[in-house]
Amino acid sequence: MSTSEPHDRYHHGDLRRALVEAALELLLEGGTEALGMRELARRVGVSAAAPYRHFRDKQALIQAVAAAGFALFLEAIDKAKADVPAEEQFGAMAEAYVQFALRYPRLYRLMFSSELGKFEDKELRRAADAAYESLAVAAARQDPEAPGEAAISAWAFVHGLSMLLLDEQLLGVSAANAEPLIRKLTRRQARRFGNPRSA
């Protein structure tokens, strides 16, 4: 996520960003249980009280981490559609979506946790909405007659496939060998969106 040394992060003056970057690393290493304010302060190299100047409690910190996760997620799926013809963008973005979930399983699960309170935190809601909109636009382009339904179907497909793979619910398939299946299924789904009457 970040290549900065832990105790060098705060020297640029943006403590909040440094805390979120360090919290992302803690999450990836040990899950939400590892997101303690004291450990976070130690990793960044500030006093134990410093994180509370930016986050009222652990829940606020977790929401900020999830918002940062959605920003990274949006960057990944938007990168996938770059230099790709419009009619092929959904397939490329869908594949990038599932790959992101498999690469960052703890972050992905946090981003879609029902305990996050997306409607309570404006920054988190904006980040989540931006990610959804990017994929929704590509899906709607595939089926202009029913863009709203296409967007929901697209999200259900990629999220469902991601969770099945993360929970190892597909016999013989794991994150280590899932790439061919992901590519095959996302391309098939893209073709179905492109020809909705045949679905």
Protein backbone atom coordinates (compact mmCIF):
# COMPACT_ATOMS: atom_id res chain seq x y z
CA MET A 1 0.00 0.00 0.00
CA SER A 2 2.57 2.52 1.18
CA THR A 3 6.30 2.22 0.74
CA SER A 4 7.12 4.81 3.43
CA GLU A 5 9.02 3.79 6.53
CA PRO A 6 6.63 3.88 9.53
CA HIS A 7 8.43 6.54 11.53
CA ASP A 8 9.07 8.75 8.49
CA ARG A 9 5.42 9.23 7.56
CA TYR A 10 4.53 12.10 9.82
CA HIS A 11 7.32 14.44 8.75
CA HIS A 12 5.31 15.72 5.78
CA GLY A 13 2.69 17.07 8.18
CA ASP A 14 -0.37 15.09 7.12
CA LEU A 15 -0.91 12.98 10.21
CA ARG A 16 -4.38 11.81 9.24
CA ARG A 17 -3.13 10.32 5.97
CA ALA A 18 -0.19 8.69 7.74
CA LEU A 19 -2.55 7.13 10.27
CA VAL A 20 -4.85 5.76 7.58
CA GLU A 21 -1.92 4.31 5.61
CA ALA A 22 -0.56 2.63 8.74
CA ALA A 23 -4.03 1.38 9.65
CA LEU A 24 -4.38 -0.16 6.19
CA GLU A 25 -1.15 -2.04 6.75
CA LEU A 26 -2.28 -3.23 10.18
CA LEU A 27 -5.56 -4.42 8.69
CA LEU A 28 -3.82 -6.37 5.94
CA GLU A 29 -1.49 -7.95 8.48
CA GLY A 30 -3.97 -8.90 11.18
CA GLY A 31 -7.54 -7.92 10.37
CA THR A 32 -9.70 -5.41 12.23
CA GLU A 33 -8.55 -6.86 15.55
CA ALA A 34 -5.09 -5.42 14.82
CA LEU A 35 -6.44 -1.88 14.46
CA GLY A 36 -5.64 -0.64 17.96
CA MET A 37 -5.12 3.08 18.47
CA ARG A 38 -2.04 2.55 20.63
CA GLU A 39 -0.36 0.25 18.11
CA LEU A 40 -1.29 2.64 15.32
CA ALA A 41 0.35 5.55 17.15
CA ARG A 42 3.45 3.47 17.80
CA ARG A 43 3.75 2.50 14.16
CA VAL A 44 3.45 6.07 12.93
CA GLY A 45 5.72 7.39 15.66
CA VAL A 46 3.39 9.75 17.50
CA SER A 47 1.94 9.93 21.00
CA ALA A 48 -0.85 7.56 22.04
CA ALA A 49 -3.26 10.49 22.14
CA ALA A 50 -2.46 11.80 18.64
CA PRO A 51 -4.80 9.49 16.66
CA TYR A 52 -7.78 10.72 18.68
CA ARG A 53 -7.31 14.21 17.27
CA HIS A 54 -8.41 12.80 13.91
CA PHE A 55 -10.60 9.81 14.84
CA ARG A 56 -12.98 9.95 17.78
CA ASP A 57 -12.78 6.17 18.25
CA LYS A 58 -11.85 2.91 16.56
CA GLN A 59 -15.09 2.86 14.55
CA ALA A 60 -14.23 6.21 12.97
CA LEU A 61 -10.77 4.90 12.12
CA ILE A 62 -12.24 1.76 10.54
CA GLN A 63 -14.60 3.88 8.43
CA ALA A 64 -11.65 5.96 7.20
CA VAL A 65 -9.74 2.78 6.32
CA ALA A 66 -12.74 1.46 4.40
CA ALA A 67 -13.03 4.77 2.51
CA ALA A 68 -9.35 4.50 1.57
CA GLY A 69 -10.05 0.93 0.48
CA PHE A 70 -12.81 2.07 -1.86
CA ALA A 71 -10.46 4.67 -3.33
CA LEU A 72 -7.86 1.97 -4.03
CA PHE A 73 -10.60 -0.26 -5.41
CA LEU A 74 -11.88 2.47 -7.73
CA GLU A 75 -8.32 3.08 -8.93
CA ALA A 76 -7.94 -0.64 -9.74
CA ILE A 77 -11.15 -1.01 -11.72
CA ASP A 78 -10.69 2.30 -13.55
CA LYS A 79 -7.15 1.28 -14.49
CA ALA A 80 -8.56 -1.95 -15.94
CA LYS A 81 -10.81 -0.08 -18.36
CA ALA A 82 -8.13 2.30 -19.60
CA ASP A 83 -7.41 1.92 -23.33
CA VAL A 84 -10.18 -0.71 -23.59
CA PRO A 85 -13.05 -0.25 -26.09
CA ALA A 86 -16.27 0.84 -24.40
CA GLU A 87 -18.05 -2.41 -25.20
CA GLU A 88 -15.33 -4.42 -23.45
CA GLN A 89 -14.90 -2.27 -20.37
CA PHE A 90 -17.38 -4.07 -18.15
CA GLY A 91 -15.61 -7.40 -18.58
CA ALA A 92 -12.22 -5.87 -17.81
CA MET A 93 -13.56 -4.04 -14.76
CA ALA A 94 -15.42 -7.09 -13.47
CA GLU A 95 -12.24 -9.16 -13.66
CA ALA A 96 -10.27 -6.44 -11.85
CA TYR A 97 -13.00 -6.26 -9.20
CA VAL A 98 -12.73 -9.93 -8.29
CA GLN A 99 -8.94 -9.87 -8.44
CA PHE A 100 -8.93 -6.95 -5.99
CA ALA A 101 -11.10 -8.92 -3.56
CA LEU A 102 -8.74 -11.89 -3.72
CA ARG A 103 -5.62 -9.75 -3.37
CA TYR A 104 -6.93 -7.83 -0.34
CA PRO A 105 -9.46 -10.15 1.33
CA ARG A 106 -9.43 -8.49 4.74
CA LEU A 107 -9.84 -5.03 3.25
CA TYR A 108 -12.57 -6.20 0.87
CA ARG A 109 -14.55 -7.83 3.68
CA LEU A 110 -14.24 -4.66 5.73
CA MET A 111 -15.43 -2.48 2.85
CA PHE A 112 -18.65 -4.47 2.57
CA SER A 113 -19.21 -5.13 6.26
CA SER A 114 -22.73 -4.39 7.48
CA GLU A 115 -21.22 -2.95 10.67
CA LEU A 116 -19.44 -0.09 8.90
CA GLY A 117 -22.28 2.41 8.94
CA LYS A 118 -21.82 3.63 5.36
CA PHE A 119 -24.82 5.94 5.67
CA GLU A 120 -23.40 7.59 8.79
CA ASP A 121 -19.98 8.59 7.45
CA LYS A 122 -20.07 11.00 4.49
CA GLU A 123 -16.52 10.36 3.32
CA LEU A 124 -17.09 6.61 3.30
CA ARG A 125 -20.42 6.95 1.51
CA ARG A 126 -18.89 9.15 -1.20
CA ALA A 127 -16.04 6.70 -1.75
CA ALA A 128 -18.39 3.71 -1.93
CA ASP A 129 -20.78 5.51 -4.28
CA ALA A 130 -17.94 6.51 -6.61
CA ALA A 131 -16.78 2.92 -6.89
CA TYR A 132 -20.30 1.67 -7.52
CA GLU A 133 -20.97 4.36 -10.11
CA SER A 134 -17.88 3.50 -12.14
CA LEU A 135 -18.88 -0.15 -12.49
CA ALA A 136 -22.57 0.72 -12.90
CA VAL A 137 -21.88 3.02 -15.85
CA ALA A 138 -19.94 0.29 -17.65
CA ALA A 139 -22.70 -2.25 -16.96
CA ALA A 140 -25.47 0.12 -18.02
CA ARG A 141 -23.67 0.75 -21.30
CA GLN A 142 -24.03 -2.97 -22.01
CA ASP A 143 -27.81 -2.82 -21.59
CA PRO A 144 -29.10 0.72 -22.25
CA GLU A 145 -32.72 -0.47 -22.22
CA ALA A 146 -32.52 -1.32 -18.52
CA PRO A 147 -29.45 0.47 -17.12
CA GLY A 148 -30.53 0.32 -13.48
CA GLU A 149 -31.19 -3.40 -13.58
CA ALA A 150 -27.92 -3.98 -15.41
CA ALA A 151 -26.00 -2.11 -12.73
CA ILE A 152 -27.56 -4.14 -9.91
CA SER A 153 -27.04 -7.41 -11.78
CA ALA A 154 -23.40 -6.49 -12.41
CA TRP A 155 -22.75 -5.70 -8.76
CA ALA A 156 -24.51 -8.87 -7.62
CA PHE A 157 -22.43 -10.95 -10.03
CA VAL A 158 -19.00 -9.60 -9.12
CA HIS A 159 -19.68 -9.41 -5.40
CA GLY A 160 -21.21 -12.88 -5.33
CA LEU A 161 -18.32 -14.40 -7.27
CA SER A 162 -15.81 -12.63 -5.02
CA MET A 163 -17.42 -13.95 -1.84
CA LEU A 164 -17.72 -17.50 -3.19
CA LEU A 165 -14.01 -17.47 -3.97
CA LEU A 166 -13.00 -15.84 -0.70
CA ASP A 167 -15.02 -18.38 1.28
CA GLU A 168 -13.70 -21.24 -0.91
CA GLN A 169 -17.21 -22.39 -1.76
CA LEU A 170 -16.33 -23.54 -5.27
CA LEU A 171 -14.95 -27.07 -5.20
CA GLY A 172 -11.33 -27.24 -6.31
CA VAL A 173 -11.03 -23.48 -6.74
CA SER A 174 -9.03 -21.17 -4.49
CA ALA A 175 -7.50 -17.72 -4.76
CA ALA A 176 -4.30 -19.37 -6.00
CA ASN A 177 -5.86 -21.00 -9.08
CA ALA A 178 -8.99 -18.90 -9.68
CA GLU A 179 -7.69 -16.61 -12.45
CA PRO A 180 -8.80 -18.71 -15.47
CA LEU A 181 -12.28 -19.17 -13.98
CA ILE A 182 -12.59 -15.48 -13.16
CA ARG A 183 -11.66 -14.50 -16.71
CA LYS A 184 -14.06 -17.02 -18.25
CA LEU A 185 -17.02 -16.06 -16.06
CA THR A 186 -16.55 -12.29 -16.32
CA ARG A 187 -16.28 -12.47 -20.10
CA ARG A 188 -19.38 -14.66 -20.28
CA GLN A 189 -21.30 -12.24 -18.09
CA ALA A 190 -20.16 -9.34 -20.24
CA ARG A 191 -21.48 -11.12 -23.34
CA ARG A 192 -24.81 -11.71 -21.60
CA PHE A 193 -25.10 -8.04 -20.76
CA GLY A 194 -24.29 -7.19 -24.34
CA ASN A 195 -27.15 -9.37 -25.56
CA PRO A 196 -29.76 -9.15 -22.75
CA ARG A 197 -32.57 -10.81 -24.73
CA SER A 198 -30.57 -14.04 -24.85
CA ALA A 199 -29.95 -14.11 -21.08
